[in-house]
Amino acid sequence: MSYYNSELKTLSFGESVDRLMEGLMLYRNGKIKKIIISGGSGYLIKDERESKLAKDFLVKFCLVPESDIIIDTHSKNTYENALNTKVIVDKIGRAHV
């Protein structure tokens, strides 16, 4: 995300939104059972968690069941995203992702 307006509760997506949309398409096409979103505060103001905002977007506007989305709110960079996602995948098992 490139911007979150907390007063209006609106999101502005940056050029990397394709990552979120690709995950959504894989989910909709039955290629994956769960969506993992990683990302901590990133660029956002007031310590909003990017992964939480992306999950809320998928649930509210794309009608993905909340139970099918797993988030990591602690990552602060790509390296931590990869490490934390591996922990999540190892914990829940590859068959569920």
PDB file of N, CA and C in Angstrom:
ATOM      1  N   MET A   1       0.820  -1.164   0.000  1.00  0.00           N
ATOM      2  CA  MET A   1       0.000   0.000   0.000  1.00  0.00           C
ATOM      3  C   MET A   1       0.874   1.240   0.000  1.00  0.00           C
ATOM      4  N   SER A   2       0.405   2.259  -0.670  1.00  0.00           N
ATOM      5  CA  SER A   2       1.188   3.481  -0.676  1.00  0.00           C
ATOM      6  C   SER A   2       0.592   4.528   0.252  1.00  0.00           C
ATOM      7  N   TYR A   3      -0.685   4.396   0.592  1.00  0.00           N
ATOM      8  CA  TYR A   3      -1.302   5.400   1.454  1.00  0.00           C
ATOM      9  C   TYR A   3      -2.572   4.833   2.086  1.00  0.00           C
ATOM     10  N   TYR A   4      -2.785   5.156   3.346  1.00  0.00           N
ATOM     11  CA  TYR A   4      -4.023   4.801   4.046  1.00  0.00           C
ATOM     12  C   TYR A   4      -4.562   6.045   4.720  1.00  0.00           C
ATOM     13  N   ASN A   5      -5.796   6.416   4.401  1.00  0.00           N
ATOM     14  CA  ASN A   5      -6.448   7.556   5.024  1.00  0.00           C
ATOM     15  C   ASN A   5      -7.339   7.007   6.132  1.00  0.00           C
ATOM     16  N   SER A   6      -6.905   7.164   7.386  1.00  0.00           N
ATOM     17  CA  SER A   6      -7.630   6.578   8.502  1.00  0.00           C
ATOM     18  C   SER A   6      -8.964   7.270   8.756  1.00  0.00           C
ATOM     19  N   GLU A   7      -9.087   8.542   8.393  1.00  0.00           N
ATOM     20  CA  GLU A   7     -10.357   9.236   8.582  1.00  0.00           C
ATOM     21  C   GLU A   7     -11.416   8.722   7.618  1.00  0.00           C
ATOM     22  N   LEU A   8     -11.046   8.563   6.359  1.00  0.00           N
ATOM     23  CA  LEU A   8     -11.982   8.075   5.345  1.00  0.00           C
ATOM     24  C   LEU A   8     -11.974   6.563   5.219  1.00  0.00           C
ATOM     25  N   LYS A   9     -10.968   5.926   5.844  1.00  0.00           N
ATOM     26  CA  LYS A   9     -10.783   4.482   5.756  1.00  0.00           C
ATOM     27  C   LYS A   9     -10.667   4.027   4.296  1.00  0.00           C
ATOM     28  N   THR A  10      -9.788   4.711   3.568  1.00  0.00           N
ATOM     29  CA  THR A  10      -9.553   4.366   2.170  1.00  0.00           C
ATOM     30  C   THR A  10      -8.091   3.982   1.971  1.00  0.00           C
ATOM     31  N   LEU A  11      -7.861   3.090   1.025  1.00  0.00           N
ATOM     32  CA  LEU A  11      -6.517   2.618   0.700  1.00  0.00           C
ATOM     33  C   LEU A  11      -6.128   3.089  -0.688  1.00  0.00           C
ATOM     34  N   SER A  12      -4.875   3.369  -0.855  1.00  0.00           N
ATOM     35  CA  SER A  12      -4.312   3.611  -2.173  1.00  0.00           C
ATOM     36  C   SER A  12      -3.217   2.573  -2.364  1.00  0.00           C
ATOM     37  N   PHE A  13      -3.325   1.809  -3.431  1.00  0.00           N
ATOM     38  CA  PHE A  13      -2.351   0.760  -3.691  1.00  0.00           C
ATOM     39  C   PHE A  13      -1.249   1.281  -4.593  1.00  0.00           C
ATOM     40  N   GLY A  14      -0.033   0.837  -4.348  1.00  0.00           N
ATOM     41  CA  GLY A  14       1.102   1.183  -5.189  1.00  0.00           C
ATOM     42  C   GLY A  14       1.223   0.211  -6.342  1.00  0.00           C
ATOM     43  N   GLU A  15       2.324   0.298  -7.042  1.00  0.00           N
ATOM     44  CA  GLU A  15       2.520  -0.536  -8.219  1.00  0.00           C
ATOM     45  C   GLU A  15       2.715  -2.008  -7.886  1.00  0.00           C
ATOM     46  N   SER A  16       2.925  -2.341  -6.620  1.00  0.00           N
ATOM     47  CA  SER A  16       3.096  -3.744  -6.233  1.00  0.00           C
ATOM     48  C   SER A  16       1.775  -4.428  -5.890  1.00  0.00           C
ATOM     49  N   VAL A  17       0.661  -3.785  -6.192  1.00  0.00           N
ATOM     50  CA  VAL A  17      -0.641  -4.380  -5.899  1.00  0.00           C
ATOM     51  C   VAL A  17      -0.841  -5.693  -6.651  1.00  0.00           C
ATOM     52  N   ASP A  18      -0.053  -5.904  -7.723  1.00  0.00           N
ATOM     53  CA  ASP A  18      -0.177  -7.142  -8.482  1.00  0.00           C
ATOM     54  C   ASP A  18       0.083  -8.368  -7.612  1.00  0.00           C
ATOM     55  N   ARG A  19       0.901  -8.229  -6.578  1.00  0.00           N
ATOM     56  CA  ARG A  19       1.155  -9.358  -5.669  1.00  0.00           C
ATOM     57  C   ARG A  19      -0.136  -9.778  -4.974  1.00  0.00           C
ATOM     58  N   LEU A  20      -0.890  -8.801  -4.515  1.00  0.00           N
ATOM     59  CA  LEU A  20      -2.154  -9.081  -3.840  1.00  0.00           C
ATOM     60  C   LEU A  20      -3.173  -9.657  -4.822  1.00  0.00           C
ATOM     61  N   MET A  21      -3.232  -9.081  -6.018  1.00  0.00           N
ATOM     62  CA  MET A  21      -4.197  -9.531  -7.016  1.00  0.00           C
ATOM     63  C   MET A  21      -3.864 -10.930  -7.533  1.00  0.00           C
ATOM     64  N   GLU A  22      -2.579 -11.234  -7.687  1.00  0.00           N
ATOM     65  CA  GLU A  22      -2.182 -12.584  -8.121  1.00  0.00           C
ATOM     66  C   GLU A  22      -2.607 -13.620  -7.082  1.00  0.00           C
ATOM     67  N   GLY A  23      -2.391 -13.304  -5.804  1.00  0.00           N
ATOM     68  CA  GLY A  23      -2.835 -14.207  -4.745  1.00  0.00           C
ATOM     69  C   GLY A  23      -4.333 -14.408  -4.781  1.00  0.00           C
ATOM     70  N   LEU A  24      -5.063 -13.326  -4.986  1.00  0.00           N
ATOM     71  CA  LEU A  24      -6.521 -13.407  -5.071  1.00  0.00           C
ATOM     72  C   LEU A  24      -6.951 -14.267  -6.253  1.00  0.00           C
ATOM     73  N   MET A  25      -6.296 -14.093  -7.403  1.00  0.00           N
ATOM     74  CA  MET A  25      -6.655 -14.902  -8.576  1.00  0.00           C
ATOM     75  C   MET A  25      -6.340 -16.378  -8.362  1.00  0.00           C
ATOM     76  N   LEU A  26      -5.187 -16.688  -7.755  1.00  0.00           N
ATOM     77  CA  LEU A  26      -4.859 -18.081  -7.456  1.00  0.00           C
ATOM     78  C   LEU A  26      -5.901 -18.685  -6.520  1.00  0.00           C
ATOM     79  N   TYR A  27      -6.336 -17.915  -5.543  1.00  0.00           N
ATOM     80  CA  TYR A  27      -7.355 -18.381  -4.602  1.00  0.00           C
ATOM     81  C   TYR A  27      -8.686 -18.613  -5.325  1.00  0.00           C
ATOM     82  N   ARG A  28      -9.110 -17.642  -6.106  1.00  0.00           N
ATOM     83  CA  ARG A  28     -10.390 -17.749  -6.830  1.00  0.00           C
ATOM     84  C   ARG A  28     -10.405 -18.912  -7.829  1.00  0.00           C
ATOM     85  N   ASN A  29      -9.240 -19.205  -8.401  1.00  0.00           N
ATOM     86  CA  ASN A  29      -9.145 -20.303  -9.370  1.00  0.00           C
ATOM     87  C   ASN A  29      -8.904 -21.652  -8.713  1.00  0.00           C
ATOM     88  N   GLY A  30      -8.919 -21.709  -7.385  1.00  0.00           N
ATOM     89  CA  GLY A  30      -8.777 -22.963  -6.664  1.00  0.00           C
ATOM     90  C   GLY A  30      -7.358 -23.514  -6.628  1.00  0.00           C
ATOM     91  N   LYS A  31      -6.377 -22.697  -6.977  1.00  0.00           N
ATOM     92  CA  LYS A  31      -4.982 -23.157  -6.973  1.00  0.00           C
ATOM     93  C   LYS A  31      -4.384 -23.148  -5.575  1.00  0.00           C
ATOM     94  N   ILE A  32      -4.897 -22.295  -4.695  1.00  0.00           N
ATOM     95  CA  ILE A  32      -4.460 -22.237  -3.297  1.00  0.00           C
ATOM     96  C   ILE A  32      -5.688 -22.208  -2.393  1.00  0.00           C
ATOM     97  N   LYS A  33      -5.518 -22.692  -1.165  1.00  0.00           N
ATOM     98  CA  LYS A  33      -6.619 -22.743  -0.213  1.00  0.00           C
ATOM     99  C   LYS A  33      -6.579 -21.595   0.782  1.00  0.00           C
ATOM    100  N   LYS A  34      -5.395 -21.039   0.990  1.00  0.00           N
ATOM    101  CA  LYS A  34      -5.200 -19.953   1.949  1.00  0.00           C
ATOM    102  C   LYS A  34      -4.359 -18.862   1.296  1.00  0.00           C
ATOM    103  N   ILE A  35      -4.518 -17.650   1.782  1.00  0.00           N
ATOM    104  CA  ILE A  35      -3.710 -16.521   1.339  1.00  0.00           C
ATOM    105  C   ILE A  35      -2.908 -16.045   2.543  1.00  0.00           C
ATOM    106  N   ILE A  36      -1.590 -15.952   2.372  1.00  0.00           N
ATOM    107  CA  ILE A  36      -0.728 -15.417   3.430  1.00  0.00           C
ATOM    108  C   ILE A  36      -0.323 -14.009   3.022  1.00  0.00           C
ATOM    109  N   ILE A  37      -0.538 -13.066   3.922  1.00  0.00           N
ATOM    110  CA  ILE A  37      -0.145 -11.683   3.674  1.00  0.00           C
ATOM    111  C   ILE A  37       0.830 -11.285   4.770  1.00  0.00           C
ATOM    112  N   SER A  38       2.006 -10.835   4.364  1.00  0.00           N
ATOM    113  CA  SER A  38       2.979 -10.407   5.364  1.00  0.00           C
ATOM    114  C   SER A  38       3.284  -8.931   5.163  1.00  0.00           C
ATOM    115  N   GLY A  39       3.500  -8.256   6.260  1.00  0.00           N
ATOM    116  CA  GLY A  39       3.871  -6.846   6.195  1.00  0.00           C
ATOM    117  C   GLY A  39       3.459  -6.108   7.441  1.00  0.00           C
ATOM    118  N   GLY A  40       4.426  -5.470   8.038  1.00  0.00           N
ATOM    119  CA  GLY A  40       4.166  -4.661   9.228  1.00  0.00           C
ATOM    120  C   GLY A  40       3.759  -3.264   8.848  1.00  0.00           C
ATOM    121  N   SER A  41       4.316  -2.299   9.539  1.00  0.00           N
ATOM    122  CA  SER A  41       3.880  -0.922   9.355  1.00  0.00           C
ATOM    123  C   SER A  41       4.340  -0.316   8.037  1.00  0.00           C
ATOM    124  N   GLY A  42       5.445  -0.723   7.504  1.00  0.00           N
ATOM    125  CA  GLY A  42       5.898  -0.217   6.210  1.00  0.00           C
ATOM    126  C   GLY A  42       5.895   1.294   6.140  1.00  0.00           C
ATOM    127  N   TYR A  43       5.260   1.844   5.116  1.00  0.00           N
ATOM    128  CA  TYR A  43       5.245   3.285   4.903  1.00  0.00           C
ATOM    129  C   TYR A  43       4.083   3.983   5.597  1.00  0.00           C
ATOM    130  N   LEU A  44       3.172   3.223   6.158  1.00  0.00           N
ATOM    131  CA  LEU A  44       1.921   3.816   6.617  1.00  0.00           C
ATOM    132  C   LEU A  44       2.061   4.610   7.909  1.00  0.00           C
ATOM    133  N   ILE A  45       1.235   5.600   8.024  1.00  0.00           N
ATOM    134  CA  ILE A  45       1.222   6.488   9.185  1.00  0.00           C
ATOM    135  C   ILE A  45       0.469   5.819  10.335  1.00  0.00           C
ATOM    136  N   LYS A  46       0.799   6.196  11.547  1.00  0.00           N
ATOM    137  CA  LYS A  46       0.123   5.728  12.755  1.00  0.00           C
ATOM    138  C   LYS A  46       0.255   4.228  12.953  1.00  0.00           C
ATOM    139  N   ASP A  47       1.330   3.660  12.454  1.00  0.00           N
ATOM    140  CA  ASP A  47       1.647   2.259  12.679  1.00  0.00           C
ATOM    141  C   ASP A  47       0.554   1.295  12.216  1.00  0.00           C
ATOM    142  N   GLU A  48      -0.193   1.658  11.183  1.00  0.00           N
ATOM    143  CA  GLU A  48      -1.175   0.739  10.613  1.00  0.00           C
ATOM    144  C   GLU A  48      -0.418  -0.431   9.991  1.00  0.00           C
ATOM    145  N   ARG A  49      -0.903  -1.615  10.156  1.00  0.00           N
ATOM    146  CA  ARG A  49      -0.252  -2.813   9.625  1.00  0.00           C
ATOM    147  C   ARG A  49      -0.758  -3.094   8.220  1.00  0.00           C
ATOM    148  N   GLU A  50       0.157  -3.104   7.269  1.00  0.00           N
ATOM    149  CA  GLU A  50      -0.226  -3.325   5.878  1.00  0.00           C
ATOM    150  C   GLU A  50      -0.949  -4.651   5.689  1.00  0.00           C
ATOM    151  N   SER A  51      -0.480  -5.687   6.347  1.00  0.00           N
ATOM    152  CA  SER A  51      -1.118  -6.998   6.182  1.00  0.00           C
ATOM    153  C   SER A  51      -2.550  -6.986   6.701  1.00  0.00           C
ATOM    154  N   LYS A  52      -2.798  -6.295   7.785  1.00  0.00           N
ATOM    155  CA  LYS A  52      -4.155  -6.199   8.343  1.00  0.00           C
ATOM    156  C   LYS A  52      -5.062  -5.421   7.387  1.00  0.00           C
ATOM    157  N   LEU A  53      -4.549  -4.325   6.850  1.00  0.00           N
ATOM    158  CA  LEU A  53      -5.340  -3.538   5.905  1.00  0.00           C
ATOM    159  C   LEU A  53      -5.643  -4.326   4.635  1.00  0.00           C
ATOM    160  N   ALA A  54      -4.660  -5.080   4.126  1.00  0.00           N
ATOM    161  CA  ALA A  54      -4.875  -5.893   2.928  1.00  0.00           C
ATOM    162  C   ALA A  54      -5.894  -6.997   3.211  1.00  0.00           C
ATOM    163  N   LYS A  55      -5.814  -7.611   4.391  1.00  0.00           N
ATOM    164  CA  LYS A  55      -6.787  -8.640   4.766  1.00  0.00           C
ATOM    165  C   LYS A  55      -8.187  -8.046   4.826  1.00  0.00           C
ATOM    166  N   ASP A  56      -8.314  -6.895   5.463  1.00  0.00           N
ATOM    167  CA  ASP A  56      -9.628  -6.243   5.544  1.00  0.00           C
ATOM    168  C   ASP A  56     -10.184  -5.943   4.153  1.00  0.00           C
ATOM    169  N   PHE A  57      -9.310  -5.521   3.235  1.00  0.00           N
ATOM    170  CA  PHE A  57      -9.717  -5.257   1.859  1.00  0.00           C
ATOM    171  C   PHE A  57     -10.243  -6.532   1.190  1.00  0.00           C
ATOM    172  N   LEU A  58      -9.493  -7.630   1.317  1.00  0.00           N
ATOM    173  CA  LEU A  58      -9.906  -8.889   0.687  1.00  0.00           C
ATOM    174  C   LEU A  58     -11.213  -9.413   1.261  1.00  0.00           C
ATOM    175  N   VAL A  59     -11.389  -9.261   2.561  1.00  0.00           N
ATOM    176  CA  VAL A  59     -12.623  -9.740   3.207  1.00  0.00           C
ATOM    177  C   VAL A  59     -13.809  -8.870   2.812  1.00  0.00           C
ATOM    178  N   LYS A  60     -13.648  -7.564   2.906  1.00  0.00           N
ATOM    179  CA  LYS A  60     -14.768  -6.643   2.690  1.00  0.00           C
ATOM    180  C   LYS A  60     -15.145  -6.485   1.217  1.00  0.00           C
ATOM    181  N   PHE A  61     -14.154  -6.320   0.354  1.00  0.00           N
ATOM    182  CA  PHE A  61     -14.447  -5.988  -1.036  1.00  0.00           C
ATOM    183  C   PHE A  61     -14.320  -7.164  -2.005  1.00  0.00           C
ATOM    184  N   CYS A  62     -13.565  -8.189  -1.631  1.00  0.00           N
ATOM    185  CA  CYS A  62     -13.376  -9.336  -2.517  1.00  0.00           C
ATOM    186  C   CYS A  62     -14.086 -10.578  -1.994  1.00  0.00           C
ATOM    187  N   LEU A  63     -14.695 -10.453  -0.823  1.00  0.00           N
ATOM    188  CA  LEU A  63     -15.507 -11.505  -0.211  1.00  0.00           C
ATOM    189  C   LEU A  63     -14.740 -12.802   0.045  1.00  0.00           C
ATOM    190  N   VAL A  64     -13.465 -12.676   0.384  1.00  0.00           N
ATOM    191  CA  VAL A  64     -12.672 -13.837   0.781  1.00  0.00           C
ATOM    192  C   VAL A  64     -12.970 -14.100   2.256  1.00  0.00           C
ATOM    193  N   PRO A  65     -13.313 -15.321   2.627  1.00  0.00           N
ATOM    194  CA  PRO A  65     -13.579 -15.610   4.041  1.00  0.00           C
ATOM    195  C   PRO A  65     -12.356 -15.293   4.908  1.00  0.00           C
ATOM    196  N   GLU A  66     -12.603 -14.642   6.019  1.00  0.00           N
ATOM    197  CA  GLU A  66     -11.521 -14.258   6.933  1.00  0.00           C
ATOM    198  C   GLU A  66     -10.669 -15.456   7.339  1.00  0.00           C
ATOM    199  N   SER A  67     -11.296 -16.613   7.463  1.00  0.00           N
ATOM    200  CA  SER A  67     -10.580 -17.819   7.886  1.00  0.00           C
ATOM    201  C   SER A  67      -9.589 -18.322   6.841  1.00  0.00           C
ATOM    202  N   ASP A  68      -9.687 -17.832   5.612  1.00  0.00           N
ATOM    203  CA  ASP A  68      -8.770 -18.260   4.548  1.00  0.00           C
ATOM    204  C   ASP A  68      -7.591 -17.307   4.356  1.00  0.00           C
ATOM    205  N   ILE A  69      -7.480 -16.315   5.234  1.00  0.00           N
ATOM    206  CA  ILE A  69      -6.392 -15.354   5.136  1.00  0.00           C
ATOM    207  C   ILE A  69      -5.568 -15.392   6.414  1.00  0.00           C
ATOM    208  N   ILE A  70      -4.270 -15.580   6.249  1.00  0.00           N
ATOM    209  CA  ILE A  70      -3.332 -15.618   7.375  1.00  0.00           C
ATOM    210  C   ILE A  70      -2.422 -14.409   7.229  1.00  0.00           C
ATOM    211  N   ILE A  71      -2.241 -13.660   8.317  1.00  0.00           N
ATOM    212  CA  ILE A  71      -1.401 -12.477   8.206  1.00  0.00           C
ATOM    213  C   ILE A  71      -0.218 -12.519   9.165  1.00  0.00           C
ATOM    214  N   ASP A  72       0.844 -11.867   8.724  1.00  0.00           N
ATOM    215  CA  ASP A  72       2.026 -11.629   9.549  1.00  0.00           C
ATOM    216  C   ASP A  72       2.123 -10.111   9.695  1.00  0.00           C
ATOM    217  N   THR A  73       1.965  -9.612  10.901  1.00  0.00           N
ATOM    218  CA  THR A  73       1.991  -8.164  11.129  1.00  0.00           C
ATOM    219  C   THR A  73       3.335  -7.669  11.643  1.00  0.00           C
ATOM    220  N   HIS A  74       4.315  -8.553  11.753  1.00  0.00           N
ATOM    221  CA  HIS A  74       5.574  -8.178  12.386  1.00  0.00           C
ATOM    222  C   HIS A  74       6.694  -7.825  11.406  1.00  0.00           C
ATOM    223  N   SER A  75       6.592  -8.263  10.174  1.00  0.00           N
ATOM    224  CA  SER A  75       7.654  -8.024   9.194  1.00  0.00           C
ATOM    225  C   SER A  75       7.800  -6.534   8.900  1.00  0.00           C
ATOM    226  N   LYS A  76       9.061  -6.115   8.753  1.00  0.00           N
ATOM    227  CA  LYS A  76       9.332  -4.718   8.428  1.00  0.00           C
ATOM    228  C   LYS A  76      10.032  -4.562   7.086  1.00  0.00           C
ATOM    229  N   ASN A  77      10.427  -5.686   6.475  1.00  0.00           N
ATOM    230  CA  ASN A  77      11.109  -5.636   5.181  1.00  0.00           C
ATOM    231  C   ASN A  77      10.926  -6.978   4.481  1.00  0.00           C
ATOM    232  N   THR A  78      11.408  -7.049   3.254  1.00  0.00           N
ATOM    233  CA  THR A  78      11.230  -8.266   2.451  1.00  0.00           C
ATOM    234  C   THR A  78      11.893  -9.477   3.087  1.00  0.00           C
ATOM    235  N   TYR A  79      13.056  -9.297   3.660  1.00  0.00           N
ATOM    236  CA  TYR A  79      13.758 -10.401   4.311  1.00  0.00           C
ATOM    237  C   TYR A  79      12.911 -10.975   5.451  1.00  0.00           C
ATOM    238  N   GLU A  80      12.389 -10.101   6.312  1.00  0.00           N
ATOM    239  CA  GLU A  80      11.543 -10.568   7.410  1.00  0.00           C
ATOM    240  C   GLU A  80      10.245 -11.171   6.892  1.00  0.00           C
ATOM    241  N   ASN A  81       9.704 -10.635   5.790  1.00  0.00           N
ATOM    242  CA  ASN A  81       8.506 -11.226   5.176  1.00  0.00           C
ATOM    243  C   ASN A  81       8.762 -12.686   4.835  1.00  0.00           C
ATOM    244  N   ALA A  82       9.908 -12.952   4.205  1.00  0.00           N
ATOM    245  CA  ALA A  82      10.247 -14.319   3.803  1.00  0.00           C
ATOM    246  C   ALA A  82      10.434 -15.227   5.011  1.00  0.00           C
ATOM    247  N   LEU A  83      11.168 -14.766   5.998  1.00  0.00           N
ATOM    248  CA  LEU A  83      11.394 -15.580   7.204  1.00  0.00           C
ATOM    249  C   LEU A  83      10.087 -15.903   7.917  1.00  0.00           C
ATOM    250  N   ASN A  84       9.261 -14.893   8.129  1.00  0.00           N
ATOM    251  CA  ASN A  84       8.009 -15.093   8.865  1.00  0.00           C
ATOM    252  C   ASN A  84       7.007 -15.931   8.076  1.00  0.00           C
ATOM    253  N   THR A  85       6.989 -15.771   6.754  1.00  0.00           N
ATOM    254  CA  THR A  85       6.099 -16.586   5.933  1.00  0.00           C
ATOM    255  C   THR A  85       6.509 -18.047   5.983  1.00  0.00           C
ATOM    256  N   LYS A  86       7.809 -18.319   5.976  1.00  0.00           N
ATOM    257  CA  LYS A  86       8.281 -19.699   6.094  1.00  0.00           C
ATOM    258  C   LYS A  86       7.833 -20.316   7.409  1.00  0.00           C
ATOM    259  N   VAL A  87       7.918 -19.569   8.486  1.00  0.00           N
ATOM    260  CA  VAL A  87       7.461 -20.064   9.793  1.00  0.00           C
ATOM    261  C   VAL A  87       5.975 -20.402   9.733  1.00  0.00           C
ATOM    262  N   ILE A  88       5.190 -19.522   9.108  1.00  0.00           N
ATOM    263  CA  ILE A  88       3.745 -19.763   8.992  1.00  0.00           C
ATOM    264  C   ILE A  88       3.476 -21.021   8.178  1.00  0.00           C
ATOM    265  N   VAL A  89       4.129 -21.144   7.029  1.00  0.00           N
ATOM    266  CA  VAL A  89       3.918 -22.308   6.158  1.00  0.00           C
ATOM    267  C   VAL A  89       4.334 -23.588   6.869  1.00  0.00           C
ATOM    268  N   ASP A  90       5.469 -23.570   7.550  1.00  0.00           N
ATOM    269  CA  ASP A  90       5.916 -24.749   8.279  1.00  0.00           C
ATOM    270  C   ASP A  90       4.944 -25.115   9.392  1.00  0.00           C
ATOM    271  N   LYS A  91       4.363 -24.105  10.020  1.00  0.00           N
ATOM    272  CA  LYS A  91       3.443 -24.350  11.142  1.00  0.00           C
ATOM    273  C   LYS A  91       2.119 -24.948  10.665  1.00  0.00           C
ATOM    274  N   ILE A  92       1.554 -24.416   9.611  1.00  0.00           N
ATOM    275  CA  ILE A  92       0.239 -24.909   9.175  1.00  0.00           C
ATOM    276  C   ILE A  92       0.329 -26.038   8.169  1.00  0.00           C
ATOM    277  N   GLY A  93       1.503 -26.219   7.596  1.00  0.00           N
ATOM    278  CA  GLY A  93       1.669 -27.292   6.611  1.00  0.00           C
ATOM    279  C   GLY A  93       1.382 -26.801   5.216  1.00  0.00           C
ATOM    280  N   ARG A  94       2.166 -27.249   4.286  1.00  0.00           N
ATOM    281  CA  ARG A  94       2.036 -26.807   2.901  1.00  0.00           C
ATOM    282  C   ARG A  94       0.698 -27.218   2.276  1.00  0.00           C
ATOM    283  N   ALA A  95       0.073 -28.251   2.760  1.00  0.00           N
ATOM    284  CA  ALA A  95      -1.178 -28.733   2.170  1.00  0.00           C
ATOM    285  C   ALA A  95      -2.312 -27.738   2.356  1.00  0.00           C
ATOM    286  N   HIS A  96      -2.194 -26.837   3.322  1.00  0.00           N
ATOM    287  CA  HIS A  96      -3.271 -25.896   3.601  1.00  0.00           C
ATOM    288  C   HIS A  96      -3.065 -24.545   2.953  1.00  0.00           C
ATOM    289  N   VAL A  97      -1.966 -24.357   2.268  1.00  0.00           N
ATOM    290  CA  VAL A  97      -1.689 -23.047   1.666  1.00  0.00           C
ATOM    291  C   VAL A  97      -1.887 -23.114   0.169  1.00  0.00           C
TER     292      VAL A  97
END
